Amino acid sequence: MADKTVRAQMPGTFYRRPDPESDAYFEEGDQVSAGDTVGLIEVMKSFHEVKAEDEGTIARFLVENEEAVDAGQDLVEMD
């Protein structure tokens, strides 16, 4: 079981990459630091960074790229 989670701060569409031609911010197994951007949430053509609050290792993504999310929904599990 993961020690930490990253949650959506607002409802919208979750993106794992900054644009369609770029690589994902992070993949499962990658190390992240507190404050690293792990994805984006789009709300009405406005993009908001989703940042890790703690350092750790990405255990798994709980939502798919371009999936609709709700405020407070868990997006990423970290160890």
N, C-alpha and C. Protein backbone atom coordinates (compact mmCIF):
# COMPACT_ATOMS: atom_id res chain seq x y z
N MET A 1 0.84 -1.19 0.00
CA MET A 1 0.00 0.00 0.00
C MET A 1 0.88 1.25 0.00
N ALA A 2 0.50 2.22 -0.76
CA ALA A 2 1.28 3.45 -0.88
C ALA A 2 1.18 4.29 0.39
N ASP A 3 2.25 5.01 0.68
CA ASP A 3 2.31 5.85 1.87
C ASP A 3 1.64 7.21 1.66
N LYS A 4 1.68 7.70 0.41
CA LYS A 4 1.21 9.06 0.12
C LYS A 4 0.39 9.06 -1.16
N THR A 5 -0.47 10.06 -1.29
CA THR A 5 -1.22 10.22 -2.53
C THR A 5 -1.16 11.67 -2.98
N VAL A 6 -1.34 11.85 -4.27
CA VAL A 6 -1.50 13.19 -4.84
C VAL A 6 -2.95 13.27 -5.27
N ARG A 7 -3.63 14.32 -4.86
CA ARG A 7 -5.07 14.46 -5.13
C ARG A 7 -5.33 15.63 -6.08
N ALA A 8 -6.45 15.53 -6.78
CA ALA A 8 -6.90 16.61 -7.66
C ALA A 8 -7.39 17.77 -6.79
N GLN A 9 -6.93 18.96 -7.09
CA GLN A 9 -7.36 20.13 -6.32
C GLN A 9 -8.67 20.71 -6.85
N MET A 10 -9.10 20.24 -8.02
CA MET A 10 -10.33 20.74 -8.65
C MET A 10 -10.83 19.71 -9.65
N PRO A 11 -12.09 19.78 -10.05
CA PRO A 11 -12.58 18.88 -11.09
C PRO A 11 -12.09 19.34 -12.46
N GLY A 12 -11.91 18.39 -13.36
CA GLY A 12 -11.48 18.72 -14.71
C GLY A 12 -10.97 17.48 -15.42
N THR A 13 -10.08 17.69 -16.38
CA THR A 13 -9.47 16.60 -17.14
C THR A 13 -8.01 16.52 -16.75
N PHE A 14 -7.55 15.32 -16.37
CA PHE A 14 -6.17 15.11 -15.93
C PHE A 14 -5.29 14.73 -17.11
N TYR A 15 -4.14 15.38 -17.20
CA TYR A 15 -3.14 15.09 -18.24
C TYR A 15 -1.83 14.74 -17.58
N ARG A 16 -1.19 13.68 -18.05
CA ARG A 16 0.11 13.25 -17.51
C ARG A 16 1.29 13.89 -18.24
N ARG A 17 1.03 14.66 -19.28
CA ARG A 17 2.10 15.29 -20.06
C ARG A 17 1.73 16.74 -20.35
N PRO A 18 2.75 17.60 -20.56
CA PRO A 18 2.47 19.02 -20.79
C PRO A 18 1.78 19.31 -22.12
N ASP A 19 2.00 18.44 -23.12
CA ASP A 19 1.33 18.57 -24.41
C ASP A 19 1.39 17.22 -25.11
N PRO A 20 0.59 17.01 -26.14
CA PRO A 20 0.50 15.68 -26.76
C PRO A 20 1.82 15.15 -27.33
N GLU A 21 2.75 16.02 -27.70
CA GLU A 21 4.00 15.58 -28.29
C GLU A 21 5.10 15.31 -27.26
N SER A 22 4.88 15.67 -26.02
CA SER A 22 5.90 15.54 -24.98
C SER A 22 5.76 14.23 -24.22
N ASP A 23 6.85 13.83 -23.58
CA ASP A 23 6.82 12.68 -22.69
C ASP A 23 6.02 13.03 -21.43
N ALA A 24 5.58 12.00 -20.73
CA ALA A 24 4.88 12.20 -19.46
C ALA A 24 5.83 12.87 -18.47
N TYR A 25 5.25 13.64 -17.55
CA TYR A 25 6.07 14.25 -16.50
C TYR A 25 6.84 13.17 -15.76
N PHE A 26 6.14 12.12 -15.34
CA PHE A 26 6.73 11.02 -14.59
C PHE A 26 6.08 9.71 -14.99
N GLU A 27 6.81 8.62 -14.79
CA GLU A 27 6.30 7.27 -15.00
C GLU A 27 6.33 6.54 -13.66
N GLU A 28 5.61 5.44 -13.58
CA GLU A 28 5.65 4.62 -12.37
C GLU A 28 7.09 4.18 -12.13
N GLY A 29 7.53 4.28 -10.87
CA GLY A 29 8.90 3.92 -10.50
C GLY A 29 9.83 5.12 -10.43
N ASP A 30 9.42 6.27 -10.97
CA ASP A 30 10.27 7.47 -10.94
C ASP A 30 10.24 8.11 -9.56
N GLN A 31 11.37 8.72 -9.18
CA GLN A 31 11.48 9.50 -7.96
C GLN A 31 10.94 10.90 -8.21
N VAL A 32 10.20 11.44 -7.25
CA VAL A 32 9.72 12.82 -7.34
C VAL A 32 10.10 13.55 -6.05
N SER A 33 10.27 14.85 -6.17
CA SER A 33 10.53 15.71 -5.03
C SER A 33 9.28 16.52 -4.72
N ALA A 34 9.18 17.00 -3.49
CA ALA A 34 8.07 17.87 -3.14
C ALA A 34 8.08 19.08 -4.06
N GLY A 35 6.93 19.41 -4.62
CA GLY A 35 6.82 20.55 -5.53
C GLY A 35 6.95 20.20 -7.00
N ASP A 36 7.36 18.96 -7.32
CA ASP A 36 7.44 18.55 -8.73
C ASP A 36 6.04 18.46 -9.33
N THR A 37 5.91 18.89 -10.57
CA THR A 37 4.65 18.77 -11.30
C THR A 37 4.51 17.34 -11.80
N VAL A 38 3.41 16.68 -11.42
CA VAL A 38 3.17 15.30 -11.84
C VAL A 38 2.08 15.21 -12.91
N GLY A 39 1.40 16.33 -13.18
CA GLY A 39 0.35 16.36 -14.18
C GLY A 39 -0.31 17.72 -14.25
N LEU A 40 -1.31 17.79 -15.09
CA LEU A 40 -2.10 19.02 -15.26
C LEU A 40 -3.57 18.68 -15.15
N ILE A 41 -4.34 19.64 -14.68
CA ILE A 41 -5.80 19.53 -14.74
C ILE A 41 -6.30 20.70 -15.59
N GLU A 42 -7.08 20.35 -16.61
CA GLU A 42 -7.67 21.36 -17.48
C GLU A 42 -9.11 21.62 -17.04
N VAL A 43 -9.41 22.91 -16.88
CA VAL A 43 -10.76 23.35 -16.56
C VAL A 43 -11.08 24.49 -17.51
N MET A 44 -12.01 24.27 -18.42
CA MET A 44 -12.44 25.31 -19.36
C MET A 44 -11.26 25.98 -20.08
N LYS A 45 -10.39 25.16 -20.65
CA LYS A 45 -9.22 25.60 -21.44
C LYS A 45 -8.14 26.28 -20.60
N SER A 46 -8.25 26.19 -19.29
CA SER A 46 -7.23 26.72 -18.40
C SER A 46 -6.54 25.53 -17.73
N PHE A 47 -5.20 25.53 -17.71
CA PHE A 47 -4.44 24.41 -17.18
C PHE A 47 -3.83 24.76 -15.83
N HIS A 48 -3.93 23.81 -14.90
CA HIS A 48 -3.44 24.00 -13.54
C HIS A 48 -2.49 22.84 -13.21
N GLU A 49 -1.29 23.16 -12.72
CA GLU A 49 -0.32 22.13 -12.38
C GLU A 49 -0.77 21.36 -11.15
N VAL A 50 -0.55 20.05 -11.20
CA VAL A 50 -0.75 19.17 -10.05
C VAL A 50 0.63 18.84 -9.53
N LYS A 51 0.91 19.22 -8.29
CA LYS A 51 2.24 19.06 -7.73
C LYS A 51 2.25 18.04 -6.60
N ALA A 52 3.37 17.32 -6.48
CA ALA A 52 3.58 16.41 -5.36
C ALA A 52 3.83 17.24 -4.11
N GLU A 53 3.19 16.87 -3.03
CA GLU A 53 3.40 17.57 -1.77
C GLU A 53 4.58 17.00 -1.00
N ASP A 54 4.95 15.76 -1.30
CA ASP A 54 6.05 15.07 -0.61
C ASP A 54 6.98 14.46 -1.63
N GLU A 55 8.16 14.09 -1.18
CA GLU A 55 9.06 13.34 -2.05
C GLU A 55 8.73 11.86 -1.93
N GLY A 56 9.07 11.11 -2.95
CA GLY A 56 8.82 9.67 -2.92
C GLY A 56 8.97 9.07 -4.31
N THR A 57 8.50 7.85 -4.43
CA THR A 57 8.55 7.11 -5.69
C THR A 57 7.12 6.90 -6.16
N ILE A 58 6.88 7.19 -7.45
CA ILE A 58 5.55 6.95 -8.02
C ILE A 58 5.28 5.45 -7.99
N ALA A 59 4.28 5.04 -7.22
CA ALA A 59 3.90 3.63 -7.16
C ALA A 59 2.96 3.29 -8.32
N ARG A 60 1.95 4.15 -8.51
CA ARG A 60 1.03 3.94 -9.63
C ARG A 60 0.14 5.16 -9.82
N PHE A 61 -0.30 5.32 -11.06
CA PHE A 61 -1.29 6.34 -11.40
C PHE A 61 -2.66 5.70 -11.26
N LEU A 62 -3.57 6.38 -10.62
CA LEU A 62 -4.90 5.85 -10.36
C LEU A 62 -5.92 6.28 -11.41
N VAL A 63 -5.52 7.20 -12.29
CA VAL A 63 -6.38 7.65 -13.39
C VAL A 63 -5.57 7.62 -14.68
N GLU A 64 -6.25 7.49 -15.78
CA GLU A 64 -5.62 7.47 -17.09
C GLU A 64 -5.39 8.90 -17.59
N ASN A 65 -4.48 9.04 -18.53
CA ASN A 65 -4.28 10.31 -19.20
C ASN A 65 -5.58 10.73 -19.88
N GLU A 66 -5.94 11.99 -19.74
CA GLU A 66 -7.14 12.58 -20.32
C GLU A 66 -8.43 12.07 -19.70
N GLU A 67 -8.36 11.57 -18.48
CA GLU A 67 -9.55 11.10 -17.77
C GLU A 67 -10.15 12.24 -16.95
N ALA A 68 -11.46 12.30 -16.89
CA ALA A 68 -12.15 13.29 -16.05
C ALA A 68 -11.95 12.92 -14.59
N VAL A 69 -11.68 13.94 -13.76
CA VAL A 69 -11.46 13.74 -12.33
C VAL A 69 -12.32 14.71 -11.53
N ASP A 70 -12.56 14.35 -10.28
CA ASP A 70 -13.31 15.19 -9.36
C ASP A 70 -12.36 15.83 -8.35
N ALA A 71 -12.75 16.92 -7.77
CA ALA A 71 -11.96 17.57 -6.72
C ALA A 71 -11.77 16.59 -5.56
N GLY A 72 -10.54 16.48 -5.10
CA GLY A 72 -10.22 15.58 -4.00
C GLY A 72 -9.95 14.14 -4.38
N GLN A 73 -10.12 13.81 -5.65
CA GLN A 73 -9.90 12.44 -6.11
C GLN A 73 -8.41 12.13 -6.08
N ASP A 74 -8.06 10.91 -5.62
CA ASP A 74 -6.67 10.45 -5.64
C ASP A 74 -6.25 10.22 -7.09
N LEU A 75 -5.08 10.79 -7.45
CA LEU A 75 -4.56 10.65 -8.80
C LEU A 75 -3.34 9.75 -8.88
N VAL A 76 -2.47 9.86 -7.87
CA VAL A 76 -1.19 9.16 -7.87
C VAL A 76 -0.92 8.60 -6.48
N GLU A 77 -0.47 7.35 -6.43
CA GLU A 77 0.02 6.78 -5.18
C GLU A 77 1.54 6.81 -5.19
N MET A 78 2.12 7.19 -4.05
CA MET A 78 3.58 7.24 -3.93
C MET A 78 4.03 6.48 -2.69
N ASP A 79 5.20 5.88 -2.80
CA ASP A 79 5.85 5.22 -1.66
C ASP A 79 6.91 6.14 -1.08
